[in-house]
Amino acid sequence: MGLMQQRMRVVRILWGALLASTFMYLVVLAFATVPQAQAVPALPPALGASSVVLAVLSFALPRQQAKSALSRQKFAIADVPEGAESDVLPYREAGKTRKEFAEPERAELAAFPAYQTGLILGSALCEAIATFGFVLGYLRFPPWVFLPFFALAWVLFLLRFPTRAKLRRLLEDAKGAHFPR
């Protein structure tokens, strides 16, 4: 197993652990004996609005953080003629080039810490949304009030499942270069 595959496996385990913690909240709610509390009717809408903000931030902040971290790194980038795989190019296409990473494996490995940090940050923000649902459940709001918070968190978790393609897209966006075809 290559180094990149090992790193991806580790980050997927971390992602899975954060996702699993949200299910543990439901287990705690199912078995916890909670004292009767006065429900505050304004709490679900306030936490709902906060969840929408967190959902947006769970994508925007990690992306910004990773781009900032990657902008400080240097990568070997080469200009490769467009259509290099073809011997015959139309005249107007003959001078076009595309920027590609000269050492794609090294670029992936160098970008991985920024990707991992962003993944953890985004996942933590998703977990916060599930925590809002936990709080509402703990305060004895009905399931139709608190379960949507968990559902939103799970959808956001699934959207950020760690893949090598997402790492590459992040690096391509940050550097304006592509991985060889």
Protein backbone atom coordinates (compact mmCIF):
# COMPACT_ATOMS: atom_id res chain seq x y z
CA MET A 1 0.00 0.00 0.00
CA GLY A 2 1.37 3.37 -1.01
CA LEU A 3 1.94 6.25 1.36
CA MET A 4 -0.97 8.24 -0.06
CA GLN A 5 -3.34 5.28 0.35
CA GLN A 6 -2.24 4.91 3.98
CA ARG A 7 -2.85 8.58 4.67
CA MET A 8 -6.28 8.41 3.04
CA ARG A 9 -7.16 5.38 5.13
CA VAL A 10 -6.18 7.21 8.33
CA VAL A 11 -8.17 10.31 7.42
CA ARG A 12 -11.21 8.15 6.55
CA ILE A 13 -10.99 6.50 9.96
CA LEU A 14 -10.93 9.95 11.56
CA TRP A 15 -13.88 11.05 9.42
CA GLY A 16 -15.78 7.90 10.40
CA ALA A 17 -15.08 8.44 14.09
CA LEU A 18 -16.46 11.97 13.94
CA LEU A 19 -19.53 10.71 12.08
CA ALA A 20 -20.02 7.88 14.58
CA SER A 21 -19.97 10.36 17.47
CA THR A 22 -23.20 11.87 16.13
CA PHE A 23 -24.88 8.45 16.36
CA MET A 24 -23.65 8.17 19.94
CA TYR A 25 -25.61 11.33 20.74
CA LEU A 26 -28.79 9.47 19.75
CA VAL A 27 -27.82 6.50 21.91
CA VAL A 28 -27.33 8.80 24.89
CA LEU A 29 -30.71 10.44 24.22
CA ALA A 30 -32.39 7.03 24.06
CA PHE A 31 -31.06 5.90 27.42
CA ALA A 32 -30.60 9.12 29.38
CA THR A 33 -32.98 10.01 32.13
CA VAL A 34 -33.49 13.70 31.72
CA PRO A 35 -35.10 15.90 34.34
CA GLN A 36 -38.15 17.78 33.14
CA ALA A 37 -36.98 21.10 31.69
CA GLN A 38 -38.84 24.16 30.58
CA ALA A 39 -38.74 24.16 26.77
CA VAL A 40 -37.85 27.50 25.24
CA PRO A 41 -39.89 27.82 22.02
CA ALA A 42 -37.36 30.19 20.41
CA LEU A 43 -34.53 27.68 20.77
CA PRO A 44 -35.21 25.43 17.72
CA PRO A 45 -35.42 28.33 15.23
CA ALA A 46 -32.32 29.96 16.72
CA LEU A 47 -30.34 26.72 16.55
CA GLY A 48 -31.75 26.06 13.07
CA ALA A 49 -30.46 29.41 11.82
CA SER A 50 -27.11 28.74 13.49
CA SER A 51 -27.00 25.34 11.79
CA VAL A 52 -27.47 26.90 8.36
CA VAL A 53 -24.58 29.26 9.08
CA LEU A 54 -22.44 26.35 10.30
CA ALA A 55 -23.33 24.33 7.19
CA VAL A 56 -22.08 27.11 4.93
CA LEU A 57 -18.99 27.67 7.07
CA SER A 58 -18.23 23.93 7.08
CA PHE A 59 -17.38 24.28 3.39
CA ALA A 60 -16.13 27.86 3.18
CA LEU A 61 -13.68 27.88 6.11
CA PRO A 62 -11.83 24.64 5.27
CA ARG A 63 -11.53 25.68 1.63
CA GLN A 64 -10.16 29.10 2.57
CA GLN A 65 -7.79 27.60 5.14
CA ALA A 66 -6.46 25.03 2.66
CA LYS A 67 -6.03 27.57 -0.13
CA SER A 68 -4.13 29.85 2.23
CA ALA A 69 -1.86 27.02 3.37
CA LEU A 70 -1.28 25.80 -0.19
CA SER A 71 -0.56 29.27 -1.55
CA ARG A 72 2.59 29.38 0.60
CA GLN A 73 3.90 26.09 -0.78
CA LYS A 74 5.93 25.70 -3.95
CA PHE A 75 5.15 22.94 -6.42
CA ALA A 76 6.92 21.92 -9.62
CA ILE A 77 4.58 22.97 -12.42
CA ALA A 78 5.28 22.46 -16.11
CA ASP A 79 3.65 23.86 -19.25
CA VAL A 80 2.51 20.89 -21.32
CA PRO A 81 1.22 21.31 -24.88
CA GLU A 82 -2.54 20.79 -25.16
CA GLY A 83 -3.38 17.63 -27.03
CA ALA A 84 0.11 16.20 -26.47
CA GLU A 85 -1.39 12.73 -26.69
CA SER A 86 -2.37 13.39 -30.31
CA ASP A 87 0.14 13.66 -33.18
CA VAL A 88 -2.12 15.84 -35.30
CA LEU A 89 -3.35 19.14 -33.92
CA PRO A 90 -5.41 21.78 -35.67
CA TYR A 91 -3.31 24.84 -36.49
CA ARG A 92 -5.00 27.14 -33.95
CA GLU A 93 -4.51 24.56 -31.15
CA ALA A 94 -0.80 24.02 -31.81
CA GLY A 95 0.48 26.75 -29.45
CA LYS A 96 -1.82 26.09 -26.49
CA THR A 97 -0.39 24.76 -23.28
CA ARG A 98 -1.80 23.65 -19.97
CA LYS A 99 -0.16 23.82 -16.57
CA GLU A 100 0.42 20.42 -14.97
CA PHE A 101 2.10 19.26 -11.80
CA ALA A 102 5.50 17.92 -12.80
CA GLU A 103 5.66 15.64 -9.73
CA PRO A 104 2.03 14.71 -9.01
CA GLU A 105 2.72 12.24 -6.18
CA ARG A 106 4.96 14.70 -4.37
CA ALA A 107 2.35 17.45 -4.83
CA GLU A 108 -0.37 15.26 -3.32
CA LEU A 109 1.78 14.37 -0.33
CA ALA A 110 2.73 18.01 0.25
CA ALA A 111 -0.92 19.14 0.03
CA PHE A 112 -2.27 16.41 2.27
CA PRO A 113 -1.79 18.19 5.65
CA ALA A 114 -3.82 21.18 4.42
CA TYR A 115 -6.53 18.84 3.12
CA GLN A 116 -6.62 16.90 6.39
CA THR A 117 -6.85 20.06 8.50
CA GLY A 118 -9.72 21.32 6.37
CA LEU A 119 -11.50 18.00 6.60
CA ILE A 120 -11.24 17.99 10.40
CA LEU A 121 -12.42 21.60 10.63
CA GLY A 122 -15.41 20.99 8.35
CA SER A 123 -16.32 17.76 10.13
CA ALA A 124 -16.19 19.47 13.52
CA LEU A 125 -18.61 22.12 12.27
CA CYS A 126 -20.92 19.35 11.04
CA GLU A 127 -20.72 17.66 14.41
CA ALA A 128 -21.73 20.95 16.06
CA ILE A 129 -25.00 20.81 14.09
CA ALA A 130 -25.68 17.33 15.49
CA THR A 131 -24.83 18.68 18.94
CA PHE A 132 -27.60 21.26 18.52
CA GLY A 133 -29.97 18.37 17.82
CA PHE A 134 -28.69 16.60 20.92
CA VAL A 135 -29.36 19.67 23.05
CA LEU A 136 -32.91 19.93 21.72
CA GLY A 137 -33.50 16.23 22.38
CA TYR A 138 -32.05 16.54 25.85
CA LEU A 139 -34.43 19.40 26.54
CA ARG A 140 -37.27 17.04 25.55
CA PHE A 141 -38.28 18.62 22.30
CA PRO A 142 -40.10 16.06 20.12
CA PRO A 143 -38.09 13.98 17.61
CA TRP A 144 -39.51 15.86 14.63
CA VAL A 145 -37.77 18.95 16.06
CA PHE A 146 -34.33 17.54 16.86
CA LEU A 147 -33.86 14.77 14.26
CA PRO A 148 -33.54 17.18 11.28
CA PHE A 149 -30.36 18.54 12.89
CA PHE A 150 -28.89 15.04 12.86
CA ALA A 151 -30.05 14.47 9.28
CA LEU A 152 -28.40 17.70 8.11
CA ALA A 153 -25.17 16.79 9.88
CA TRP A 154 -25.14 13.32 8.28
CA VAL A 155 -25.75 14.70 4.79
CA LEU A 156 -22.90 17.18 5.26
CA PHE A 157 -20.64 14.41 6.55
CA LEU A 158 -21.41 12.25 3.51
CA LEU A 159 -20.67 15.14 1.16
CA ARG A 160 -17.19 15.49 2.62
CA PHE A 161 -16.18 11.82 2.55
CA PRO A 162 -12.40 12.01 1.99
CA THR A 163 -11.19 10.99 -1.46
CA ARG A 164 -8.04 11.49 -3.43
CA ALA A 165 -10.04 13.25 -6.15
CA LYS A 166 -11.17 15.92 -3.65
CA LEU A 167 -7.58 16.43 -2.54
CA ARG A 168 -6.53 16.85 -6.17
CA ARG A 169 -9.37 19.28 -6.94
CA LEU A 170 -8.41 21.39 -3.94
CA LEU A 171 -4.79 21.49 -5.06
CA GLU A 172 -5.73 22.25 -8.67
CA ASP A 173 -7.95 25.14 -7.57
CA ALA A 174 -5.30 26.55 -5.26
CA LYS A 175 -2.44 26.35 -7.76
CA GLY A 176 -4.17 26.75 -11.13
CA ALA A 177 -2.48 23.63 -12.45
CA HIS A 178 -3.81 20.17 -13.29
CA PHE A 179 -2.74 16.62 -12.67
CA PRO A 180 -1.52 14.77 -15.76
CA ARG A 181 -4.24 12.89 -17.63
